[in-house]
Amino acid sequence: MTHDPNRPVVLTDYLTDIEARLLIGYLEELGIPAFHSGVGGSTGWPDAAGYAQVVVRESDYDQAKRGMDEFVAYRHPDGA
């Protein structure tokens, strides 16, 4: 089987769709294509069906991870 560098991989999960879309917007500003895969998993709570996944191409994963780390550091400079 041939390795596909464009294979979609999950970068991270967020509890809300809004948080995931904020990261996606930041990554796209950096020139990294990213998308929201919808809801995954289940939390067990009736009003919270799952979590939001941020997905990138495998070939962009390392750059996207660095971008995500910058995004988190900017939003939470005290590490909280």
Foldseek 3Di string as FASTA:
>chain_A
DDDDQQDKDWLDKAQDPVVLVVLQVQCVVVVFHKDKPDFDDQPPDPVRGGIITIIGGNNCNVVSNVSVVVVVCVVCVVND
